[in-house]
N, C-alpha and C. Protein backbone atom coordinates (compact mmCIF):
# COMPACT_ATOMS: atom_id res chain seq x y z
N MET A 1 78.56 39.48 158.69
CA MET A 1 79.71 39.23 159.55
C MET A 1 79.22 38.75 160.90
N LYS A 2 79.76 37.69 161.42
CA LYS A 2 79.43 37.20 162.74
C LYS A 2 80.10 38.08 163.78
N PRO A 3 79.41 38.34 164.90
CA PRO A 3 80.00 39.21 165.93
C PRO A 3 81.21 38.57 166.56
N MET A 4 82.19 39.39 166.92
CA MET A 4 83.42 38.91 167.56
C MET A 4 83.27 39.04 169.07
N THR A 5 83.70 38.02 169.74
CA THR A 5 83.65 38.08 171.20
C THR A 5 84.97 38.54 171.76
N ARG A 6 86.11 38.09 171.20
CA ARG A 6 87.45 38.48 171.62
C ARG A 6 88.33 38.51 170.39
N ARG A 7 88.92 38.92 170.98
CA ARG A 7 90.03 38.79 170.10
C ARG A 7 89.74 39.14 168.70
N THR A 8 107.76 36.91 142.87
CA THR A 8 107.42 35.81 142.91
C THR A 8 108.66 35.61 142.39
N LEU A 9 109.68 35.35 143.26
CA LEU A 9 110.96 34.96 142.67
C LEU A 9 110.99 33.47 142.38
N ALA A 10 110.49 32.68 143.24
CA ALA A 10 110.65 31.24 143.11
C ALA A 10 109.53 30.53 143.81
N THR A 11 109.25 29.30 143.37
CA THR A 11 108.33 28.43 144.07
C THR A 11 109.15 27.55 144.99
N LEU A 12 108.80 27.49 146.23
CA LEU A 12 109.57 26.74 147.19
C LEU A 12 109.46 25.25 146.90
N SER A 13 110.47 24.49 147.35
CA SER A 13 110.43 23.06 147.16
C SER A 13 109.26 22.44 147.90
N THR A 14 108.95 22.98 149.08
CA THR A 14 107.71 22.60 149.72
C THR A 14 106.61 23.45 149.13
N ALA A 15 105.38 22.93 149.16
CA ALA A 15 104.30 23.58 148.43
C ALA A 15 103.97 24.92 149.06
N VAL A 16 103.97 25.97 148.25
CA VAL A 16 103.60 27.30 148.69
C VAL A 16 102.28 27.64 148.02
N ALA A 17 101.32 28.06 148.81
CA ALA A 17 100.02 28.40 148.27
C ALA A 17 99.90 29.89 148.16
N LEU A 18 99.58 30.38 146.95
CA LEU A 18 99.30 31.79 146.76
C LEU A 18 97.95 31.89 146.08
N GLY A 19 96.92 32.27 146.82
CA GLY A 19 95.59 32.36 146.24
C GLY A 19 95.05 33.75 146.41
N VAL A 20 94.46 34.30 145.38
CA VAL A 20 93.81 35.60 145.45
C VAL A 20 92.32 35.35 145.37
N LEU A 21 91.58 35.70 146.43
CA LEU A 21 90.20 35.30 146.51
C LEU A 21 89.31 36.49 146.80
N LEU A 22 88.20 36.61 146.06
CA LEU A 22 87.14 37.49 146.45
C LEU A 22 86.31 36.75 147.48
N PRO A 23 85.55 37.46 148.32
CA PRO A 23 84.82 36.80 149.39
C PRO A 23 83.95 35.64 148.94
N ALA A 24 83.44 35.66 147.72
CA ALA A 24 82.55 34.59 147.29
C ALA A 24 83.26 33.48 146.54
N CYS A 25 84.56 33.60 146.33
CA CYS A 25 85.27 32.64 145.51
C CYS A 25 85.75 31.45 146.32
N ALA A 26 85.93 30.33 145.65
CA ALA A 26 86.51 29.16 146.31
C ALA A 26 88.01 29.36 146.43
N PRO A 27 88.61 28.88 147.53
CA PRO A 27 90.05 29.09 147.74
C PRO A 27 90.90 28.26 146.80
N LEU A 28 92.09 28.78 146.50
CA LEU A 28 93.06 28.08 145.67
C LEU A 28 94.28 27.80 146.52
N VAL A 29 94.64 26.53 146.66
CA VAL A 29 95.79 26.15 147.46
C VAL A 29 96.55 25.07 146.72
N VAL A 30 97.87 25.17 146.72
CA VAL A 30 98.73 24.15 146.13
C VAL A 30 99.30 23.32 147.26
N GLY A 31 99.21 22.02 147.14
CA GLY A 31 99.77 21.16 148.18
C GLY A 31 98.70 20.26 148.75
N GLY A 32 99.10 19.11 149.26
CA GLY A 32 98.14 18.15 149.75
C GLY A 32 98.08 18.12 151.26
N ALA A 33 96.92 17.73 151.77
CA ALA A 33 96.77 17.57 153.20
C ALA A 33 95.55 16.71 153.47
N ALA A 34 95.56 15.99 154.57
CA ALA A 34 94.41 15.22 155.00
C ALA A 34 93.77 15.94 156.17
N VAL A 35 92.45 15.73 156.35
CA VAL A 35 91.76 16.40 157.43
C VAL A 35 92.24 15.84 158.76
N GLY A 36 92.47 16.72 159.73
CA GLY A 36 92.92 16.29 161.05
C GLY A 36 92.64 17.39 162.05
N THR A 37 93.00 17.16 163.32
CA THR A 37 92.67 18.11 164.36
C THR A 37 93.87 18.57 165.16
N ALA A 38 95.08 18.09 164.85
CA ALA A 38 96.25 18.47 165.65
C ALA A 38 96.54 19.95 165.49
N LEU A 39 96.82 20.62 166.59
CA LEU A 39 97.14 22.04 166.58
C LEU A 39 98.47 22.27 167.26
N VAL A 40 99.19 23.28 166.83
CA VAL A 40 100.44 23.66 167.46
C VAL A 40 100.27 25.06 168.00
N ALA A 41 100.55 25.24 169.27
CA ALA A 41 100.29 26.52 169.93
C ALA A 41 101.48 27.45 169.90
N VAL A 42 102.57 27.05 169.25
CA VAL A 42 103.75 27.88 169.20
C VAL A 42 104.12 28.13 167.74
N ASP A 43 105.12 29.00 167.54
CA ASP A 43 105.58 29.32 166.20
C ASP A 43 106.08 28.06 165.51
N ARG A 44 105.65 27.84 164.30
CA ARG A 44 106.01 26.63 163.57
C ARG A 44 107.31 26.75 162.79
N ARG A 45 107.91 27.92 162.83
CA ARG A 45 109.22 28.09 162.21
C ARG A 45 110.31 27.66 163.19
N THR A 46 111.45 27.28 162.64
CA THR A 46 112.60 27.03 163.50
C THR A 46 113.06 28.35 164.10
N SER A 47 113.83 28.28 165.19
CA SER A 47 114.35 29.51 165.79
C SER A 47 115.25 30.25 164.81
N GLY A 48 115.99 29.50 163.98
CA GLY A 48 116.84 30.12 162.97
C GLY A 48 116.03 30.88 161.94
N ALA A 49 114.91 30.29 161.52
CA ALA A 49 114.05 30.96 160.54
C ALA A 49 113.43 32.21 161.12
N GLN A 50 113.06 32.16 162.39
CA GLN A 50 112.49 33.34 163.03
C GLN A 50 113.49 34.49 163.07
N LEU A 51 114.73 34.18 163.41
CA LEU A 51 115.77 35.21 163.43
C LEU A 51 116.04 35.74 162.03
N ASP A 52 116.08 34.84 161.05
CA ASP A 52 116.28 35.26 159.67
C ASP A 52 115.17 36.20 159.22
N ASP A 53 113.93 35.86 159.58
CA ASP A 53 112.80 36.70 159.18
C ASP A 53 112.92 38.10 159.76
N GLN A 54 113.32 38.19 161.01
CA GLN A 54 113.51 39.51 161.62
C GLN A 54 114.60 40.30 160.89
N GLY A 55 115.69 39.63 160.58
CA GLY A 55 116.78 40.29 159.86
C GLY A 55 116.37 40.70 158.47
N ILE A 56 115.64 39.84 157.77
CA ILE A 56 115.18 40.17 156.42
C ILE A 56 114.30 41.42 156.44
N GLU A 57 113.37 41.47 157.37
CA GLU A 57 112.47 42.62 157.42
C GLU A 57 113.22 43.92 157.69
N LEU A 58 114.16 43.88 158.62
CA LEU A 58 114.92 45.09 158.95
C LEU A 58 115.81 45.54 157.80
N ARG A 59 116.58 44.60 157.24
CA ARG A 59 117.51 44.96 156.16
C ARG A 59 116.77 45.41 154.91
N ALA A 60 115.69 44.68 154.56
CA ALA A 60 114.94 45.03 153.36
C ALA A 60 114.30 46.41 153.50
N ALA A 61 113.71 46.69 154.66
CA ALA A 61 113.07 47.98 154.88
C ALA A 61 114.09 49.12 154.78
N ASN A 62 115.27 48.92 155.35
CA ASN A 62 116.31 49.95 155.28
C ASN A 62 116.77 50.19 153.85
N ARG A 63 116.97 49.12 153.09
CA ARG A 63 117.42 49.28 151.70
C ARG A 63 116.36 49.96 150.84
N LEU A 64 115.11 49.62 151.07
CA LEU A 64 114.03 50.24 150.30
C LEU A 64 113.93 51.73 150.62
N ARG A 65 114.09 52.06 151.89
CA ARG A 65 114.04 53.47 152.29
C ARG A 65 115.17 54.26 151.66
N GLU A 66 116.36 53.67 151.67
CA GLU A 66 117.51 54.35 151.06
C GLU A 66 117.35 54.49 149.56
N GLN A 67 116.75 53.49 148.92
CA GLN A 67 116.63 53.47 147.46
C GLN A 67 115.56 54.42 146.94
N PHE A 68 114.42 54.47 147.63
CA PHE A 68 113.27 55.17 147.07
C PHE A 68 112.81 56.40 147.84
N GLY A 69 113.16 56.52 149.09
CA GLY A 69 112.71 57.68 149.85
C GLY A 69 111.20 57.81 149.82
N GLU A 70 110.72 58.97 149.36
CA GLU A 70 109.29 59.27 149.35
C GLU A 70 108.57 58.68 148.13
N ARG A 71 109.31 58.05 147.22
CA ARG A 71 108.66 57.54 146.01
C ARG A 71 107.90 56.25 146.25
N ALA A 72 108.03 55.67 147.42
CA ALA A 72 107.35 54.41 147.71
C ALA A 72 107.07 54.30 149.20
N ASN A 73 105.99 53.64 149.50
CA ASN A 73 105.62 53.34 150.89
C ASN A 73 105.42 51.83 150.95
N ILE A 74 106.48 51.10 151.25
CA ILE A 74 106.47 49.65 151.11
C ILE A 74 106.67 48.97 152.45
N ALA A 75 105.83 48.00 152.74
CA ALA A 75 105.95 47.20 153.96
C ALA A 75 106.52 45.83 153.59
N VAL A 76 107.41 45.33 154.44
CA VAL A 76 108.06 44.05 154.21
C VAL A 76 107.66 43.09 155.33
N THR A 77 107.09 41.96 154.95
CA THR A 77 106.73 40.93 155.92
C THR A 77 107.37 39.62 155.49
N SER A 78 108.14 39.02 156.38
CA SER A 78 108.82 37.77 156.05
C SER A 78 108.34 36.65 156.96
N TYR A 79 108.02 35.50 156.38
CA TYR A 79 107.64 34.32 157.15
C TYR A 79 108.34 33.11 156.56
N ASN A 80 109.18 32.48 157.38
CA ASN A 80 109.96 31.32 156.94
C ASN A 80 110.77 31.66 155.70
N ARG A 81 111.30 32.87 155.67
CA ARG A 81 112.18 33.40 154.62
C ARG A 81 111.45 33.65 153.29
N GLN A 82 110.13 33.63 153.32
CA GLN A 82 109.34 34.04 152.17
C GLN A 82 108.84 35.45 152.43
N VAL A 83 109.06 36.36 151.48
CA VAL A 83 108.80 37.78 151.71
C VAL A 83 107.56 38.24 150.96
N LEU A 84 106.71 38.94 151.68
CA LEU A 84 105.54 39.59 151.11
C LEU A 84 105.79 41.09 151.08
N LEU A 85 105.66 41.70 149.91
CA LEU A 85 105.79 43.15 149.75
C LEU A 85 104.42 43.75 149.53
N THR A 86 104.03 44.69 150.40
CA THR A 86 102.76 45.38 150.25
C THR A 86 103.01 46.88 150.34
N GLY A 87 101.98 47.65 150.07
CA GLY A 87 102.12 49.10 150.12
C GLY A 87 101.89 49.73 148.77
N GLU A 88 102.53 50.87 148.54
CA GLU A 88 102.28 51.64 147.33
C GLU A 88 103.58 52.13 146.71
N ALA A 89 103.60 52.19 145.38
CA ALA A 89 104.75 52.70 144.64
C ALA A 89 104.27 53.74 143.62
N ALA A 90 105.18 54.66 143.25
CA ALA A 90 104.81 55.74 142.33
C ALA A 90 104.51 55.23 140.93
N ASN A 91 105.18 54.15 140.52
CA ASN A 91 104.97 53.61 139.19
C ASN A 91 105.43 52.15 139.15
N ALA A 92 105.20 51.50 137.99
CA ALA A 92 105.52 50.08 137.86
C ALA A 92 107.02 49.83 137.94
N ASN A 93 107.82 50.79 137.49
CA ASN A 93 109.28 50.62 137.55
C ASN A 93 109.76 50.55 138.99
N VAL A 94 109.19 51.39 139.85
CA VAL A 94 109.55 51.37 141.26
C VAL A 94 109.13 50.04 141.88
N LYS A 95 107.95 49.56 141.53
CA LYS A 95 107.48 48.28 142.05
C LYS A 95 108.45 47.15 141.69
N ALA A 96 108.85 47.09 140.43
CA ALA A 96 109.77 46.05 139.98
C ALA A 96 111.14 46.20 140.62
N GLU A 97 111.62 47.44 140.73
CA GLU A 97 112.94 47.67 141.33
C GLU A 97 112.94 47.29 142.81
N ALA A 98 111.82 47.53 143.49
CA ALA A 98 111.72 47.16 144.89
C ALA A 98 111.90 45.66 145.08
N GLU A 99 111.33 44.89 144.18
CA GLU A 99 111.49 43.44 144.26
C GLU A 99 112.95 43.04 144.06
N ARG A 100 113.62 43.70 143.11
CA ARG A 100 115.04 43.40 142.88
C ARG A 100 115.89 43.76 144.10
N VAL A 101 115.56 44.86 144.74
CA VAL A 101 116.31 45.26 145.93
C VAL A 101 116.16 44.22 147.03
N VAL A 102 114.95 43.78 147.27
CA VAL A 102 114.70 42.81 148.34
C VAL A 102 115.29 41.45 148.00
N ALA A 103 115.32 41.12 146.72
CA ALA A 103 115.91 39.85 146.31
C ALA A 103 117.39 39.76 146.67
N GLY A 104 118.03 40.91 146.83
CA GLY A 104 119.44 40.94 147.17
C GLY A 104 119.72 40.79 148.65
N VAL A 105 118.69 40.72 149.46
CA VAL A 105 118.86 40.57 150.90
C VAL A 105 119.17 39.11 151.22
N ASP A 106 120.12 38.89 152.10
CA ASP A 106 120.50 37.53 152.49
C ASP A 106 119.31 36.75 153.03
N ASN A 107 119.27 35.47 152.69
CA ASN A 107 118.32 34.48 153.21
C ASN A 107 116.92 34.55 152.61
N VAL A 108 116.66 35.48 151.71
CA VAL A 108 115.34 35.54 151.07
C VAL A 108 115.20 34.37 150.10
N ARG A 109 114.14 33.57 150.29
CA ARG A 109 113.92 32.41 149.43
C ARG A 109 112.96 32.71 148.28
N SER A 110 111.97 33.53 148.52
CA SER A 110 111.01 33.88 147.46
C SER A 110 110.32 35.18 147.83
N ILE A 111 109.72 35.81 146.84
CA ILE A 111 109.06 37.10 147.04
C ILE A 111 107.68 37.07 146.39
N VAL A 112 106.70 37.56 147.11
CA VAL A 112 105.37 37.80 146.57
C VAL A 112 105.19 39.32 146.54
N ASN A 113 105.17 39.89 145.34
CA ASN A 113 105.14 41.33 145.18
C ASN A 113 103.70 41.81 145.00
N GLU A 114 103.13 42.36 146.06
CA GLU A 114 101.75 42.86 146.04
C GLU A 114 101.72 44.38 146.19
N ILE A 115 102.81 45.05 145.82
CA ILE A 115 102.86 46.51 145.89
C ILE A 115 101.88 47.08 144.87
N GLY A 116 101.08 48.04 145.29
CA GLY A 116 100.13 48.66 144.37
C GLY A 116 100.69 49.93 143.76
N VAL A 117 100.44 50.12 142.48
CA VAL A 117 100.83 51.37 141.83
C VAL A 117 99.64 52.31 141.96
N VAL A 118 99.51 52.86 143.16
CA VAL A 118 98.36 53.70 143.51
C VAL A 118 98.84 54.76 144.49
N ASN A 119 97.96 55.72 144.76
CA ASN A 119 98.26 56.72 145.78
C ASN A 119 98.24 56.08 147.17
N SER A 120 98.98 56.63 148.09
CA SER A 120 98.99 56.11 149.46
C SER A 120 97.60 56.25 150.07
N PRO A 121 97.18 55.27 150.87
CA PRO A 121 95.85 55.34 151.46
C PRO A 121 95.74 56.45 152.49
N SER A 122 94.52 56.90 152.72
CA SER A 122 94.27 57.94 153.71
C SER A 122 94.46 57.37 155.12
N LEU A 123 94.52 58.27 156.08
CA LEU A 123 94.64 57.85 157.47
C LEU A 123 93.46 56.99 157.87
N GLY A 124 92.27 57.35 157.35
CA GLY A 124 91.07 56.57 157.65
C GLY A 124 91.17 55.15 157.12
N GLN A 125 91.69 55.00 155.91
CA GLN A 125 91.85 53.66 155.32
C GLN A 125 92.86 52.85 156.12
N ARG A 126 93.95 53.48 156.52
CA ARG A 126 94.96 52.77 157.31
C ARG A 126 94.40 52.31 158.65
N SER A 127 93.59 53.18 159.26
CA SER A 127 92.97 52.81 160.53
C SER A 127 92.02 51.64 160.33
N ASN A 128 91.28 51.67 159.23
CA ASN A 128 90.36 50.58 158.94
C ASN A 128 91.11 49.28 158.70
N ASP A 129 92.26 49.37 158.02
CA ASP A 129 93.08 48.17 157.80
C ASP A 129 93.55 47.57 159.12
N THR A 130 93.92 48.45 160.06
CA THR A 130 94.36 47.98 161.38
C THR A 130 93.23 47.27 162.11
N ILE A 131 92.03 47.83 162.01
CA ILE A 131 90.87 47.21 162.64
C ILE A 131 90.58 45.84 162.03
N ILE A 132 90.66 45.77 160.69
CA ILE A 132 90.40 44.50 160.01
C ILE A 132 91.40 43.44 160.46
N THR A 133 92.68 43.81 160.53
CA THR A 133 93.70 42.86 160.98
C THR A 133 93.36 42.34 162.37
N GLY A 134 92.97 43.23 163.26
CA GLY A 134 92.62 42.83 164.61
C GLY A 134 91.42 41.90 164.65
N GLN A 135 90.44 42.17 163.80
CA GLN A 135 89.25 41.33 163.77
C GLN A 135 89.56 39.94 163.20
N VAL A 136 90.42 39.88 162.20
CA VAL A 136 90.81 38.57 161.65
C VAL A 136 91.54 37.75 162.70
N LYS A 137 92.46 38.39 163.40
CA LYS A 137 93.21 37.68 164.44
C LYS A 137 92.28 37.22 165.56
N ALA A 138 91.32 38.08 165.93
CA ALA A 138 90.37 37.70 166.97
C ALA A 138 89.53 36.52 166.53
N GLY A 139 89.15 36.51 165.26
CA GLY A 139 88.38 35.38 164.75
C GLY A 139 89.15 34.09 164.80
N MET A 140 90.44 34.17 164.55
CA MET A 140 91.29 32.97 164.62
C MET A 140 91.44 32.49 166.06
N VAL A 141 91.54 33.45 166.99
CA VAL A 141 91.64 33.08 168.41
C VAL A 141 90.35 32.40 168.87
N ASP A 142 89.22 32.92 168.42
CA ASP A 142 87.92 32.35 168.81
C ASP A 142 87.69 30.97 168.21
N ALA A 143 88.27 30.71 167.04
CA ALA A 143 88.07 29.43 166.37
C ALA A 143 88.68 28.31 167.20
N LYS A 144 87.93 27.25 167.41
CA LYS A 144 88.41 26.14 168.23
C LYS A 144 89.28 25.17 167.45
N ASP A 145 89.30 25.30 166.13
CA ASP A 145 90.04 24.35 165.30
C ASP A 145 91.25 24.98 164.62
N LEU A 146 91.70 26.13 165.14
CA LEU A 146 92.86 26.81 164.58
C LEU A 146 93.83 27.19 165.69
N SER A 147 95.12 27.27 165.34
CA SER A 147 96.12 27.85 166.22
C SER A 147 96.46 29.22 165.64
N ALA A 148 95.99 30.26 166.29
CA ALA A 148 96.16 31.62 165.76
C ALA A 148 97.62 31.99 165.60
N SER A 149 98.50 31.42 166.45
CA SER A 149 99.92 31.76 166.39
C SER A 149 100.60 31.23 165.14
N ALA A 150 99.91 30.37 164.38
CA ALA A 150 100.49 29.80 163.16
C ALA A 150 100.37 30.76 161.98
N PHE A 151 99.67 31.89 162.16
CA PHE A 151 99.39 32.79 161.05
C PHE A 151 99.98 34.18 161.27
N LYS A 152 100.38 34.79 160.16
CA LYS A 152 100.64 36.23 160.12
C LYS A 152 99.54 36.86 159.28
N VAL A 153 99.04 38.00 159.75
CA VAL A 153 97.95 38.69 159.05
C VAL A 153 98.40 40.11 158.72
N VAL A 154 98.29 40.48 157.45
CA VAL A 154 98.62 41.83 157.00
C VAL A 154 97.44 42.35 156.19
N THR A 155 97.02 43.58 156.44
CA THR A 155 95.91 44.16 155.68
C THR A 155 96.36 45.47 155.04
N THR A 156 96.11 45.59 153.75
CA THR A 156 96.44 46.80 153.00
C THR A 156 95.30 47.14 152.06
N ARG A 157 94.74 48.34 152.24
CA ARG A 157 93.65 48.84 151.40
C ARG A 157 92.51 47.83 151.28
N GLY A 158 92.17 47.20 152.39
CA GLY A 158 91.06 46.26 152.42
C GLY A 158 91.39 44.86 152.00
N THR A 159 92.60 44.63 151.53
CA THR A 159 93.03 43.28 151.15
C THR A 159 93.75 42.63 152.33
N VAL A 160 93.33 41.44 152.68
CA VAL A 160 93.94 40.71 153.78
C VAL A 160 94.90 39.67 153.22
N TYR A 161 96.13 39.70 153.71
CA TYR A 161 97.15 38.72 153.33
C TYR A 161 97.37 37.78 154.50
N LEU A 162 97.30 36.48 154.23
CA LEU A 162 97.50 35.46 155.25
C LEU A 162 98.77 34.69 154.94
N MET A 163 99.65 34.57 155.94
CA MET A 163 100.91 33.84 155.79
C MET A 163 101.02 32.79 156.89
N GLY A 164 101.82 31.75 156.63
CA GLY A 164 102.07 30.77 157.67
C GLY A 164 102.36 29.40 157.09
N ARG A 165 102.84 28.50 157.96
CA ARG A 165 103.03 27.08 157.62
C ARG A 165 101.82 26.35 158.18
N VAL A 166 100.89 26.02 157.30
CA VAL A 166 99.60 25.49 157.74
C VAL A 166 99.15 24.34 156.83
N THR A 167 98.20 23.56 157.33
CA THR A 167 97.60 22.52 156.50
C THR A 167 96.54 23.14 155.60
N GLN A 168 96.11 22.39 154.61
CA GLN A 168 95.08 22.91 153.72
C GLN A 168 93.79 23.17 154.49
N ARG A 169 93.50 22.30 155.44
CA ARG A 169 92.32 22.50 156.28
C ARG A 169 92.40 23.84 157.01
N GLU A 170 93.55 24.12 157.61
CA GLU A 170 93.74 25.38 158.33
C GLU A 170 93.68 26.57 157.38
N ALA A 171 94.27 26.42 156.20
CA ALA A 171 94.24 27.50 155.21
C ALA A 171 92.82 27.86 154.83
N ASN A 172 92.00 26.83 154.58
CA ASN A 172 90.62 27.07 154.19
C ASN A 172 89.82 27.71 155.32
N ARG A 173 90.06 27.25 156.52
CA ARG A 173 89.33 27.78 157.69
C ARG A 173 89.69 29.24 157.92
N ALA A 174 90.98 29.56 157.88
CA ALA A 174 91.42 30.94 158.09
C ALA A 174 90.89 31.86 157.00
N THR A 175 90.87 31.37 155.77
CA THR A 175 90.34 32.17 154.66
C THR A 175 88.88 32.48 154.87
N ASP A 176 88.13 31.49 155.33
CA ASP A 176 86.70 31.69 155.58
C ASP A 176 86.48 32.75 156.64
N ILE A 177 87.32 32.73 157.69
CA ILE A 177 87.20 33.74 158.74
C ILE A 177 87.49 35.13 158.18
N ALA A 178 88.58 35.26 157.42
CA ALA A 178 88.99 36.57 156.92
C ALA A 178 87.99 37.15 155.94
N ARG A 179 87.46 36.34 155.05
CA ARG A 179 86.61 36.90 154.01
C ARG A 179 85.22 37.26 154.52
N ASN A 180 84.90 36.88 155.76
CA ASN A 180 83.62 37.24 156.35
C ASN A 180 83.72 38.44 157.29
N ILE A 181 84.88 39.08 157.33
CA ILE A 181 85.05 40.30 158.12
C ILE A 181 84.58 41.50 157.30
N SER A 182 83.81 42.38 157.91
CA SER A 182 83.31 43.55 157.22
C SER A 182 84.46 44.42 156.74
N GLY A 183 84.39 44.87 155.50
CA GLY A 183 85.40 45.75 154.93
C GLY A 183 86.47 45.04 154.14
N VAL A 184 86.51 43.71 154.21
CA VAL A 184 87.51 42.94 153.45
C VAL A 184 87.05 42.83 152.00
N THR A 185 87.89 43.27 151.07
CA THR A 185 87.55 43.23 149.65
C THR A 185 88.08 41.97 148.96
N ARG A 186 89.19 41.42 149.46
CA ARG A 186 89.71 40.17 148.93
C ARG A 186 90.69 39.59 149.94
N VAL A 187 90.99 38.31 149.76
CA VAL A 187 91.93 37.61 150.63
C VAL A 187 93.01 36.99 149.76
N VAL A 188 94.26 37.26 150.09
CA VAL A 188 95.40 36.69 149.37
C VAL A 188 96.13 35.75 150.31
N ARG A 189 96.30 34.52 149.88
CA ARG A 189 96.92 33.52 150.73
C ARG A 189 98.36 33.26 150.28
N VAL A 190 99.27 33.44 151.19
CA VAL A 190 100.70 33.23 150.92
C VAL A 190 101.17 32.16 151.91
N PHE A 191 100.71 30.96 151.69
CA PHE A 191 100.94 29.88 152.63
C PHE A 191 102.02 28.91 152.17
N GLU A 192 102.69 28.31 153.12
CA GLU A 192 103.50 27.12 152.89
C GLU A 192 102.68 25.96 153.44
N ILE A 193 102.18 25.14 152.54
CA ILE A 193 101.27 24.07 152.93
C ILE A 193 102.04 22.86 153.46
N ILE A 194 101.62 22.37 154.63
CA ILE A 194 102.18 21.15 155.20
C ILE A 194 101.05 20.14 155.35
N THR A 195 101.41 18.88 155.51
CA THR A 195 100.41 17.85 155.68
C THR A 195 99.99 17.75 157.15
N GLU A 196 98.88 17.07 157.39
CA GLU A 196 98.45 16.84 158.76
C GLU A 196 99.49 16.00 159.52
N GLU A 197 100.17 15.10 158.79
CA GLU A 197 101.21 14.29 159.43
C GLU A 197 102.38 15.15 159.88
N GLU A 198 102.77 16.12 159.04
CA GLU A 198 103.84 17.04 159.42
C GLU A 198 103.41 17.89 160.61
N LEU A 199 102.16 18.29 160.63
CA LEU A 199 101.65 19.08 161.75
C LEU A 199 101.70 18.27 163.05
N ALA A 200 101.34 17.00 162.96
CA ALA A 200 101.37 16.15 164.15
C ALA A 200 102.78 16.03 164.71
N LYS A 201 103.77 15.95 163.81
CA LYS A 201 105.17 15.87 164.27
C LYS A 201 105.59 17.17 164.95
N LEU A 202 105.11 18.29 164.42
CA LEU A 202 105.42 19.57 165.05
C LEU A 202 104.78 19.66 166.43
N ALA A 203 103.60 19.05 166.56
CA ALA A 203 102.87 19.12 167.82
C ALA A 203 103.48 18.23 168.89
N SER A 204 104.16 17.16 168.50
CA SER A 204 104.68 16.18 169.47
C SER A 204 105.61 16.79 170.50
N PRO A 205 106.66 17.53 170.11
CA PRO A 205 107.54 18.11 171.14
C PRO A 205 106.83 19.13 172.02
N VAL A 206 105.84 19.83 171.47
CA VAL A 206 105.09 20.79 172.26
C VAL A 206 104.31 20.08 173.36
N LYS A 207 103.67 18.96 173.00
CA LYS A 207 102.91 18.20 173.99
C LYS A 207 103.83 17.62 175.04
N ALA A 208 105.01 17.16 174.62
CA ALA A 208 105.97 16.60 175.57
C ALA A 208 106.39 17.66 176.59
N GLU A 209 106.62 18.89 176.15
CA GLU A 209 107.00 19.96 177.05
C GLU A 209 105.87 20.29 178.02
N GLU A 210 104.63 20.29 177.51
CA GLU A 210 103.49 20.57 178.37
C GLU A 210 103.34 19.49 179.43
N ASP A 211 103.50 18.22 179.04
CA ASP A 211 103.39 17.12 180.00
C ASP A 211 104.47 17.22 181.06
N ALA A 212 105.69 17.56 180.65
CA ALA A 212 106.79 17.69 181.61
C ALA A 212 106.52 18.82 182.60
N ALA A 213 105.97 19.91 182.10
CA ALA A 213 105.66 21.04 182.99
C ALA A 213 104.59 20.65 184.00
N LYS A 214 103.62 19.88 183.57
CA LYS A 214 102.57 19.44 184.49
C LYS A 214 103.15 18.52 185.57
N ARG A 215 104.05 17.61 185.16
CA ARG A 215 104.67 16.70 186.14
C ARG A 215 105.49 17.48 187.16
N ASN A 216 106.23 18.47 186.68
CA ASN A 216 107.04 19.29 187.60
C ASN A 216 106.16 20.06 188.58
N ALA A 217 105.00 20.55 188.07
CA ALA A 217 104.11 21.32 188.91
C ALA A 217 103.47 20.49 190.01
N THR A 218 103.32 19.17 189.75
CA THR A 218 102.69 18.29 190.73
C THR A 218 103.69 17.41 191.47
N GLY A 219 104.97 17.76 191.37
CA GLY A 219 105.99 17.01 192.08
C GLY A 219 106.34 15.68 191.47
N GLY A 220 105.98 15.52 190.17
CA GLY A 220 106.34 14.29 189.45
C GLY A 220 105.45 13.12 189.76
N ASN A 221 104.22 13.38 190.31
CA ASN A 221 103.33 12.28 190.66
C ASN A 221 102.43 11.87 189.50
N ASN A 222 102.39 12.66 188.42
CA ASN A 222 101.50 12.32 187.31
C ASN A 222 102.27 11.74 186.15
């Protein structure tokens, strides 16, 4: 590990990449992209999608708690209305039922069910998962060719889940960072793949806002 200085209901119409990788495996991604360097420093979801994701997480978590109580410890993470379920369930029936419950939540487009039929992790394991998440995020911040804000990172029992609207180049780079963190046993990619051209279009309004802010700061002389 390099030292850190800082820091399945449906397939979407746009390409969604779901890859399960051991640290030595080659990544699996669905969708095309060309190599490029454009980065977006802000959330790549629309404001509506961001609000929907917040609502999905809250409603799904409440329904799961009401349905299962102590029989399951399930975390809900939504990105661009695609839901990742992680955590632990008492048995396979609970795991399957949890997916059906979340499928009934408004605005959910697809579900990746990664709930484990295992005992809940110890406090030590949970703490280690938190550390791993922080190290992955720090690695993304340190990387000069990635926009860390484009990714969501979730770690459960040593497995790192990566979510976001990213290019294949970005997906591969982020995977490489995650799988080289100490304690990571595998990396699961839950990406919506976009092209470099789509990324450039996302970057255009951001650059325009930055240029306008600079002009305002200098009295409009630039």
